[in-house]
Protein backbone atom coordinates (compact mmCIF):
# COMPACT_ATOMS: atom_id res chain seq x y z
CA MET A 1 -0.01 -0.02 -0.01
CA LYS A 2 2.85 2.41 0.74
CA ALA A 3 4.45 1.64 -2.59
CA ALA A 4 1.08 2.12 -4.36
CA TRP A 5 0.60 5.36 -2.53
CA LYS A 6 4.00 6.68 -3.51
CA ALA A 7 3.43 5.62 -7.14
CA GLY A 8 -0.10 6.83 -7.64
CA GLY A 9 -1.72 8.27 -4.57
CA VAL A 10 -5.24 7.42 -3.87
CA GLU A 11 -5.78 5.94 -7.36
CA GLY A 12 -2.76 3.78 -6.98
CA CYS A 13 -4.11 2.36 -3.64
CA ARG A 14 -7.54 1.74 -5.30
CA GLY A 15 -5.91 -0.11 -8.20
CA LEU A 16 -3.87 -2.30 -5.87
CA LEU A 17 -6.92 -3.22 -3.85
CA GLU A 18 -9.10 -3.97 -6.88
CA GLU A 19 -6.27 -6.15 -8.17
CA LYS A 20 -6.01 -8.15 -4.90
CA ARG A 21 -9.80 -8.48 -4.63
CA ASP A 22 -10.15 -9.92 -8.19
CA ALA A 23 -6.83 -11.80 -8.30
CA TRP A 24 -8.63 -15.25 -8.06
CA LYS A 25 -10.16 -14.68 -11.54
CA ASN A 26 -6.63 -15.08 -13.12
CA VAL A 27 -5.54 -18.17 -11.17
CA PRO A 28 -5.26 -21.38 -13.36
CA LEU A 29 -6.72 -24.49 -11.79
CA ASP A 30 -6.16 -27.91 -13.36
CA VAL A 31 -7.74 -31.09 -11.85
CA ALA A 32 -7.05 -34.45 -13.38
CA VAL A 33 -9.67 -37.09 -13.49
CA ILE A 34 -8.07 -40.48 -14.18
CA GLY A 35 -9.69 -43.87 -14.89
CA LYS A 36 -10.67 -46.58 -17.31
CA SER A 37 -13.44 -46.07 -19.81
CA GLY A 38 -16.87 -46.58 -18.35
CA VAL A 39 -16.14 -45.69 -14.72
CA GLY A 40 -17.97 -42.39 -15.00
CA LYS A 41 -15.32 -39.78 -15.50
CA SER A 42 -17.36 -37.77 -18.06
CA SER A 43 -20.49 -37.75 -15.99
CA PHE A 44 -18.47 -36.78 -12.86
CA ILE A 45 -16.84 -33.87 -14.76
CA ASN A 46 -20.32 -32.70 -15.78
CA SER A 47 -21.80 -33.08 -12.26
CA ILE A 48 -19.00 -31.21 -10.42
CA ARG A 49 -19.53 -28.35 -12.87
CA GLY A 50 -23.30 -28.25 -12.30
CA LEU A 51 -24.16 -29.62 -15.78
CA THR A 52 -25.75 -32.65 -17.40
CA ALA A 53 -24.82 -34.32 -20.64
CA ASP A 54 -27.61 -32.28 -22.39
CA ASP A 55 -25.83 -28.96 -21.65
CA VAL A 56 -23.79 -29.16 -24.79
CA GLU A 57 -23.87 -25.36 -25.40
CA LEU A 58 -22.10 -24.97 -21.97
CA GLY A 59 -19.34 -27.46 -22.78
CA ALA A 60 -20.74 -30.66 -21.18
CA ALA A 61 -18.60 -33.85 -21.57
CA ALA A 62 -20.01 -36.50 -23.88
CA VAL A 63 -21.59 -39.42 -21.86
CA GLY A 64 -22.60 -42.75 -23.39
CA VAL A 65 -22.48 -46.48 -23.30
CA LYS A 66 -19.55 -46.59 -25.79
CA GLU A 67 -16.01 -45.49 -24.93
CA THR A 68 -15.88 -41.67 -24.90
CA THR A 69 -12.35 -41.01 -23.57
CA LEU A 70 -10.15 -41.63 -26.66
CA GLU A 71 -7.85 -38.65 -26.09
CA ILE A 72 -6.82 -36.25 -23.34
CA ARG A 73 -9.34 -33.40 -23.14
CA SER A 74 -10.09 -30.51 -20.85
CA TYR A 75 -13.38 -29.06 -19.80
CA GLN A 76 -13.78 -25.54 -18.54
CA HIS A 77 -16.01 -24.60 -15.71
CA PRO A 78 -18.95 -22.57 -17.15
CA ASP A 79 -18.45 -19.86 -14.34
CA ASN A 80 -14.70 -19.78 -14.39
CA PRO A 81 -12.77 -20.66 -17.58
CA MET A 82 -9.58 -20.80 -15.55
CA LEU A 83 -10.77 -23.96 -13.84
CA LYS A 84 -10.30 -26.97 -16.02
CA PHE A 85 -11.20 -30.58 -15.29
CA TRP A 86 -9.09 -33.02 -17.47
CA ASP A 87 -10.54 -36.38 -18.57
CA LEU A 88 -7.58 -38.75 -18.76
CA PRO A 89 -7.66 -42.40 -19.69
CA GLY A 90 -6.37 -45.07 -17.34
CA LEU A 91 -2.88 -46.31 -17.76
CA GLY A 92 -1.97 -49.69 -19.04
CA THR A 93 -3.55 -49.65 -22.45
CA ASN A 94 -1.75 -49.99 -25.79
CA VAL A 95 -2.25 -46.25 -26.29
CA PHE A 96 -1.16 -45.25 -22.73
CA PRO A 97 1.40 -47.82 -21.38
CA ARG A 98 2.90 -47.40 -17.91
CA SER A 99 6.41 -46.81 -19.34
CA THR A 100 5.36 -43.52 -21.02
CA TYR A 101 2.21 -42.64 -19.09
CA LEU A 102 3.45 -39.83 -16.83
CA SER A 103 4.99 -37.98 -19.77
CA ASP A 104 1.97 -38.76 -22.02
CA ILE A 105 -0.40 -36.97 -19.63
CA ASP A 106 2.10 -34.23 -18.73
CA VAL A 107 1.68 -35.14 -15.08
CA ASP A 108 3.31 -31.96 -13.63
CA ARG A 109 0.79 -29.62 -15.06
CA TYR A 110 -2.05 -30.68 -12.73
CA ASP A 111 -2.80 -29.31 -9.27
CA PHE A 112 -4.86 -32.23 -8.04
CA PHE A 113 -5.66 -35.87 -9.03
CA LEU A 114 -8.79 -37.99 -8.69
CA LEU A 115 -8.25 -41.64 -9.50
CA MET A 116 -11.53 -43.35 -10.35
CA THR A 117 -12.91 -46.87 -10.62
CA ALA A 118 -16.41 -48.35 -10.66
CA ASP A 119 -15.24 -51.68 -9.10
CA ARG A 120 -11.84 -52.11 -7.37
CA PHE A 121 -8.56 -50.32 -7.59
CA PHE A 122 -5.68 -52.25 -9.27
CA GLU A 123 -1.91 -52.30 -8.99
CA ASN A 124 -1.66 -49.64 -11.78
CA ASP A 125 -3.82 -47.29 -9.80
CA THR A 126 -1.77 -47.48 -6.75
CA TRP A 127 1.45 -47.18 -8.66
CA LEU A 128 0.13 -44.03 -10.20
CA GLY A 129 -0.86 -42.69 -6.78
CA LYS A 130 2.54 -43.31 -5.36
CA GLU A 131 4.17 -41.51 -8.43
CA ILE A 132 1.87 -38.43 -7.77
CA ARG A 133 2.71 -38.41 -4.15
CA GLY A 134 6.38 -38.46 -5.14
CA ARG A 135 5.80 -35.16 -6.83
CA ASN A 136 4.41 -33.71 -3.67
CA LYS A 137 0.95 -33.42 -5.13
CA LYS A 138 -2.37 -34.52 -3.67
CA TYR A 139 -4.73 -37.27 -4.87
CA PHE A 140 -7.87 -39.09 -3.84
CA PHE A 141 -9.39 -42.42 -4.73
CA VAL A 142 -12.95 -42.20 -5.98
CA ARG A 143 -15.19 -45.21 -6.11
CA THR A 144 -18.15 -44.37 -8.56
CA LYS A 145 -21.64 -45.69 -9.32
CA ILE A 146 -22.67 -46.32 -5.76
CA GLY A 147 -26.37 -45.80 -6.56
CA LEU A 148 -26.12 -48.56 -9.18
CA ASP A 149 -24.50 -50.91 -6.66
CA ILE A 150 -27.28 -50.24 -4.08
CA SER A 151 -29.92 -50.79 -6.86
CA ASN A 152 -28.45 -53.96 -8.10
CA ASP A 153 -28.14 -55.41 -4.61
CA ARG A 154 -31.78 -54.42 -3.87
CA GLN A 155 -33.04 -56.32 -6.94
CA ALA A 156 -30.71 -59.31 -6.29
CA HIS A 157 -31.62 -59.62 -2.54
CA PRO A 158 -35.15 -58.14 -2.28
CA ARG A 159 -35.80 -59.77 1.08
CA THR A 160 -32.45 -59.19 2.76
CA HIS A 161 -31.21 -56.05 1.14
CA ASN A 162 -29.62 -53.60 3.56
CA GLU A 163 -28.19 -50.35 2.20
CA ASP A 164 -25.81 -49.83 5.17
CA ALA A 165 -24.35 -53.30 4.74
CA VAL A 166 -23.81 -52.67 0.96
CA ILE A 167 -22.06 -49.43 1.68
CA ASP A 168 -19.91 -50.90 4.41
CA GLU A 169 -18.95 -53.83 2.27
CA ILE A 170 -17.86 -51.63 -0.65
CA ARG A 171 -15.92 -49.29 1.66
CA CYS A 172 -14.19 -52.13 3.52
CA SER A 173 -13.32 -54.03 0.33
CA THR A 174 -11.93 -50.89 -1.32
CA GLN A 175 -9.85 -49.86 1.65
CA ASP A 176 -8.50 -53.39 2.16
CA HIS A 177 -7.22 -53.53 -1.40
CA LEU A 178 -5.59 -50.12 -1.15
CA ARG A 179 -4.02 -50.98 2.30
CA LYS A 180 -2.46 -54.14 0.70
CA ASP A 181 -0.99 -52.01 -2.00
CA GLY A 182 0.50 -49.45 0.37
CA CYS A 183 -2.11 -46.69 -0.10
CA GLY A 184 -4.22 -47.15 3.13
CA ASP A 185 -3.78 -43.57 4.17
CA VAL A 186 -5.19 -42.02 1.04
CA PRO A 187 -8.80 -40.75 1.30
CA VAL A 188 -11.42 -42.84 -0.48
CA PHE A 189 -14.84 -41.36 -1.51
CA LEU A 190 -17.93 -43.28 -2.58
CA VAL A 191 -19.83 -41.26 -5.08
CA ASP A 192 -22.67 -41.41 -7.60
CA ASN A 193 -23.01 -38.76 -10.27
CA TYR A 194 -26.83 -39.18 -10.51
CA GLU A 195 -28.27 -40.50 -7.36
CA HIS A 196 -28.25 -37.80 -4.68
CA ASN A 197 -28.88 -40.10 -1.69
CA LYS A 198 -27.58 -39.98 1.74
CA TYR A 199 -24.65 -42.30 0.98
CA ASN A 200 -23.35 -40.21 -1.86
CA GLU A 201 -20.16 -38.55 -0.74
CA PHE A 202 -20.04 -36.17 -3.68
CA GLU A 203 -20.38 -32.99 -1.46
CA LYS A 204 -17.85 -34.36 1.08
CA LEU A 205 -15.38 -34.92 -1.80
CA LYS A 206 -15.77 -31.35 -2.93
CA GLN A 207 -15.09 -30.07 0.56
CA GLN A 208 -11.99 -32.25 0.95
CA ILE A 209 -10.66 -31.13 -2.40
CA ILE A 210 -10.96 -27.45 -1.26
CA GLU A 211 -9.17 -28.27 2.00
CA ASP A 212 -6.28 -30.18 0.27
CA PHE A 213 -5.91 -27.87 -2.69
CA PRO A 214 -2.75 -25.77 -2.91
CA GLU A 215 -3.34 -22.83 -0.58
CA LEU A 216 -2.68 -20.10 -3.13
CA LYS A 217 -5.33 -21.54 -5.36
CA ARG A 218 -7.98 -22.40 -2.76
CA SER A 219 -9.94 -19.08 -3.02
CA ALA A 220 -10.20 -19.47 -6.78
CA LEU A 221 -11.50 -23.06 -6.46
CA ILE A 222 -14.12 -21.93 -3.78
CA PHE A 223 -15.43 -19.17 -5.99
CA SER A 224 -15.55 -21.43 -9.00
CA LEU A 225 -17.53 -24.37 -7.50
CA GLN A 226 -21.33 -23.96 -7.05
CA SER A 227 -23.32 -23.77 -3.74
CA THR A 228 -24.94 -27.30 -3.78
CA SER A 229 -24.98 -27.96 -0.06
CA GLU A 230 -25.08 -26.21 3.30
CA GLU A 231 -21.42 -26.91 3.87
CA MET A 232 -20.39 -25.29 0.58
CA ILE A 233 -22.48 -22.25 1.34
CA ARG A 234 -20.70 -21.76 4.64
CA VAL A 235 -17.23 -22.32 2.95
CA LYS A 236 -18.12 -19.66 0.43
CA VAL A 237 -19.45 -17.24 3.00
CA ALA A 238 -16.16 -17.55 5.05
CA GLU A 239 -14.20 -16.78 1.90
CA LEU A 240 -16.56 -13.92 0.98
CA ARG A 241 -16.08 -12.41 4.48
CA SER A 242 -12.33 -12.23 3.91
CA ARG A 243 -12.88 -9.89 0.99
CA ILE A 244 -14.97 -7.31 2.89
CA TRP A 245 -12.06 -5.27 4.25
CA LYS A 246 -10.67 -4.83 0.78
CA CYS A 247 -14.02 -3.43 -0.50
CA ALA A 248 -14.28 -1.26 2.57
CA ALA A 249 -10.81 0.14 1.93
CA LEU A 250 -11.75 0.80 -1.61
CA SER A 251 -14.68 2.85 -0.30
CA ALA A 252 -12.33 4.77 2.08
CA ALA A 253 -10.00 5.45 -0.80
CA GLY A 254 -12.90 7.03 -2.68
CA ALA A 255 -15.44 9.67 -2.06
CA ALA A 256 -18.22 7.84 -0.13
CA VAL A 257 -21.37 9.74 0.72
CA PRO A 258 -23.98 9.13 3.36
CA PHE A 259 -26.41 6.44 2.18
CA ALA A 260 -29.58 8.02 3.27
CA PRO A 261 -30.63 11.06 5.29
CA GLY A 262 -30.56 10.53 9.03
CA LEU A 263 -28.00 7.73 8.93
CA SER A 264 -24.67 8.40 10.41
CA VAL A 265 -22.89 5.86 8.15
CA ALA A 266 -21.18 6.71 5.00
CA ILE A 267 -20.96 4.03 2.31
CA ASP A 268 -19.97 3.65 -1.33
CA LEU A 269 -23.16 2.33 -2.92
CA GLY A 270 -21.43 1.52 -6.13
CA ILE A 271 -18.83 -0.77 -4.57
CA ILE A 272 -21.38 -2.38 -2.32
CA THR A 273 -23.70 -2.99 -5.23
CA HIS A 274 -20.96 -4.68 -7.30
CA GLU A 275 -19.91 -6.82 -4.30
CA ALA A 276 -23.53 -7.75 -3.42
CA ILE A 277 -24.10 -9.03 -7.03
CA PHE A 278 -20.97 -11.15 -6.60
CA TYR A 279 -22.37 -12.52 -3.18
CA PHE A 280 -25.71 -13.16 -4.73
CA ARG A 281 -24.37 -15.23 -7.61
CA GLN A 282 -21.82 -17.06 -5.50
CA LEU A 283 -24.57 -18.24 -3.07
CA GLY A 284 -26.78 -19.47 -5.97
CA LEU A 285 -29.51 -16.91 -5.35
CA ASP A 286 -29.69 -15.54 -8.92
CA SER A 287 -32.38 -16.74 -11.32
CA SER A 288 -30.05 -18.86 -13.54
CA SER A 289 -28.62 -20.60 -10.54
CA LEU A 290 -32.03 -21.43 -9.07
CA LYS A 291 -33.13 -22.71 -12.45
CA ARG A 292 -30.22 -25.00 -12.71
CA CYS A 293 -30.74 -26.21 -9.10
CA ALA A 294 -34.49 -26.90 -9.81
CA MET A 295 -33.59 -28.80 -13.00
CA LEU A 296 -30.95 -30.96 -11.35
CA HIS A 297 -33.29 -31.96 -8.47
CA SER A 298 -36.58 -31.89 -10.47
CA LEU A 299 -38.04 -29.01 -8.28
CA ASP A 300 -40.18 -26.07 -9.15
CA HIS A 301 -37.91 -23.00 -9.97
CA VAL A 302 -40.75 -20.62 -8.96
CA LYS A 303 -40.83 -22.14 -5.49
CA LEU A 304 -37.06 -21.70 -4.98
CA GLN A 305 -37.45 -18.05 -6.09
CA SER A 306 -40.20 -17.42 -3.71
CA ILE A 307 -37.97 -18.76 -0.87
CA VAL A 308 -35.37 -16.19 -1.81
CA THR A 309 -37.93 -13.42 -2.08
CA ALA A 310 -39.41 -14.25 1.33
CA ALA A 311 -35.97 -14.56 3.00
CA LEU A 312 -34.87 -11.10 1.70
CA GLY A 313 -38.24 -9.40 2.06
CA VAL A 314 -38.00 -7.87 -1.47
CA ARG A 315 -38.80 -8.75 -4.95
CA ALA A 316 -35.84 -10.38 -6.57
CA ALA A 317 -37.37 -12.07 -9.62
CA GLY A 318 -35.66 -12.18 -12.98
CA ALA A 319 -32.10 -11.46 -13.82
CA ILE A 320 -30.02 -9.45 -11.43
CA THR A 321 -28.40 -6.45 -12.87
CA PHE A 322 -26.63 -3.51 -11.22
CA GLU A 323 -29.72 -1.52 -11.14
CA THR A 324 -32.04 -4.22 -9.78
CA MET A 325 -29.40 -5.06 -7.04
CA LYS A 326 -29.16 -1.41 -6.26
CA SER A 327 -32.99 -1.30 -5.75
CA ILE A 328 -32.85 -4.33 -3.48
CA LEU A 329 -30.09 -2.69 -1.42
CA GLU A 330 -32.02 0.56 -1.18
CA ILE A 331 -34.72 -1.47 0.52
CA LEU A 332 -32.56 -3.65 2.68
CA LEU A 333 -29.92 -1.25 3.93
CA PRO A 334 -32.12 1.41 5.70
CA ARG A 335 -33.63 -1.64 7.69
CA LEU A 336 -30.25 -3.12 8.63
CA VAL A 337 -27.80 -0.30 9.14
CA PRO A 338 -29.45 1.51 12.08
CA LEU A 339 -29.33 -1.65 14.20
CA ALA A 340 -25.85 -1.22 15.34
CA ALA A 341 -24.15 1.26 12.97
CA ALA A 342 -22.24 3.38 15.34
CA ALA A 343 -20.63 0.47 17.17
CA ALA A 344 -19.83 -1.37 13.99
CA VAL A 345 -18.13 1.73 12.45
CA GLU A 346 -16.04 2.18 15.58
CA GLU A 347 -15.05 -1.50 15.63
CA GLY A 348 -14.32 -1.63 11.89
CA THR A 349 -12.18 1.51 12.16
CA ARG A 350 -10.24 0.25 15.18
CA LEU A 351 -9.54 -3.15 13.50
CA PHE A 352 -8.66 -2.27 9.92
CA ILE A 353 -7.64 1.37 9.58
CA PRO A 354 -4.39 0.88 11.42
CA LEU A 355 -3.41 -1.75 8.70
CA ILE A 356 -3.64 0.94 6.15
CA GLY A 357 -2.07 3.72 8.28
CA SER A 358 -2.66 7.35 7.55
CA LEU A 359 -2.63 6.77 3.77
CA ILE A 360 -6.40 6.69 3.65
CA ALA A 361 -8.12 9.09 5.99
CA ALA A 362 -11.73 8.08 5.74
CA PRO A 363 -12.66 5.93 8.75
CA LEU A 364 -16.33 6.67 8.59
CA SER A 365 -16.60 5.50 5.00
CA PHE A 366 -14.51 2.38 5.80
CA GLY A 367 -16.66 1.41 8.75
CA GLY A 368 -19.91 2.12 7.06
CA THR A 369 -19.18 0.12 3.88
CA TYR A 370 -17.62 -2.76 6.02
CA PHE A 371 -20.72 -3.05 8.17
CA ALA A 372 -23.10 -2.72 5.22
CA LEU A 373 -21.37 -5.49 3.38
CA LYS A 374 -21.29 -7.77 6.45
CA LEU A 375 -25.05 -7.32 6.99
CA ILE A 376 -25.73 -7.97 3.29
CA LEU A 377 -23.72 -11.21 3.34
CA ASP A 378 -25.46 -12.34 6.54
CA LYS A 379 -28.83 -11.81 4.83
CA PHE A 380 -27.85 -13.52 1.58
CA GLU A 381 -26.42 -16.38 3.65
CA LYS A 382 -29.68 -16.90 5.46
CA ALA A 383 -31.50 -16.97 2.05
CA ALA A 384 -29.19 -19.52 0.55
CA LEU A 385 -29.43 -21.85 3.59
CA GLU A 386 -33.22 -21.62 3.37
CA VAL A 387 -33.09 -22.69 -0.35
CA MET A 388 -30.80 -25.59 0.51
CA LYS A 389 -32.85 -26.67 3.40
CA PHE A 390 -35.84 -27.03 1.10
CA VAL A 391 -33.82 -28.83 -1.56
CA ALA A 392 -32.46 -31.29 0.96
CA GLY A 393 -35.99 -31.88 2.42
CA SER A 394 -37.45 -32.38 -1.14
CA ILE A 395 -34.72 -35.03 -1.94
CA GLY A 396 -35.49 -36.87 1.31
CA VAL A 397 -39.22 -36.99 0.51
CA ALA A 398 -38.44 -38.20 -3.03
CA GLU A 399 -36.27 -41.05 -1.65
CA GLU A 400 -38.93 -42.12 0.81
CA ASP A 401 -41.53 -42.17 -2.01
CA ALA A 402 -39.15 -44.30 -4.14
CA ALA A 403 -38.61 -46.71 -1.32
CA GLU A 404 -42.30 -46.99 -0.73
CA LYS A 405 -43.02 -47.69 -4.43
CA PHE A 406 -40.36 -50.39 -4.39
CA GLU A 407 -41.87 -52.03 -1.31
CA ASP A 408 -45.33 -51.89 -3.00
CA THR A 409 -43.91 -53.57 -6.10
CA GLU A 410 -42.33 -56.27 -3.94
CA ASP A 411 -45.67 -56.86 -2.25
CA ASP A 412 -47.46 -57.07 -5.63
CA ASP A 413 -44.81 -59.57 -6.82
CA ALA A 414 -45.31 -61.67 -3.76
CA ARG A 415 -49.05 -61.76 -4.19
CA LEU A 416 -48.76 -62.82 -7.81
CA LEU A 417 -46.40 -65.67 -6.82
CA ASP A 418 -48.91 -66.77 -4.17
């Protein structure tokens, strides 16, 4: 900040803060998804990007019964082109032999590795894992198609089927094989790209990837992945909070004005509006995110929109633009700011202004913007959690209905046999 001040004064400070705030957009992220054909790599890459195979216009990976991974290919995240998932074939084939596999896939270019299988992991898989670890990079084992395993066992053993027992058997068997091959300490996740049941560890896998991703790239990954669970929402909110002081400092470096007559808090409405739009989209509250969520879970988009509207206490239908968000904030902020404005401004100033020193002498603007953004984020977090609570409840009801239908079918079959 001192160097920026000497070089360009207030504008130099603003430029530096904007650069730091938006630095995540320019961070390249490369995740390798490795496995034999047919284990579900393509559908996994679609699912983690919030897509289905039908979203061709958004760059969905081809999914089919025939072999689709014939060459190395990358897939950009629709919300962040810097995040790429690489669909890599398993090693040991004529095209990708072990002797040249590491150089064939350019192993050092990737930040993280997911080794996938739909049955058991073989010696080639564990060999590759050890090679990756030798390069000081992280990897996980991912056992796919868990929903199909449960369904097959239910049909094969209709009277004795037990989902818990099936899951335990798969997990124990997988871990035993890995332990024998010297990879017992590597995390294993049981996932299904289509069945969002309680045994699917898809969300847990995303959380663990974030925790183990290289530290300097973690923020970029968090802002790229979608808010598809309560845990992900909380991770995003924590990361968003870490940006607030930068935006408040931007306000302090500018010419903030009082938001409304009678309020003793000065804020920069332009900075706040831009940041609020970012929060809104990151937490999946915008119309396109809600529609995508509704489609993936077979829910009513209008119902999800109504939950957001009710949580915010404002009309937020349609696409969110700078002007529509500004209108929302003009309703929200007068309700929220007077609650504890003076104390928050004093606290924000005490905590953060000393970091900047005397370069920016606008504590009132800093504290007002800081507090306003904190309140907005709290409000948006509550709305996002309400949406996710409804989604989780709807999935649970759907699973119960499916189980009841299956039991009814069993009863009908038994009566026919009698």
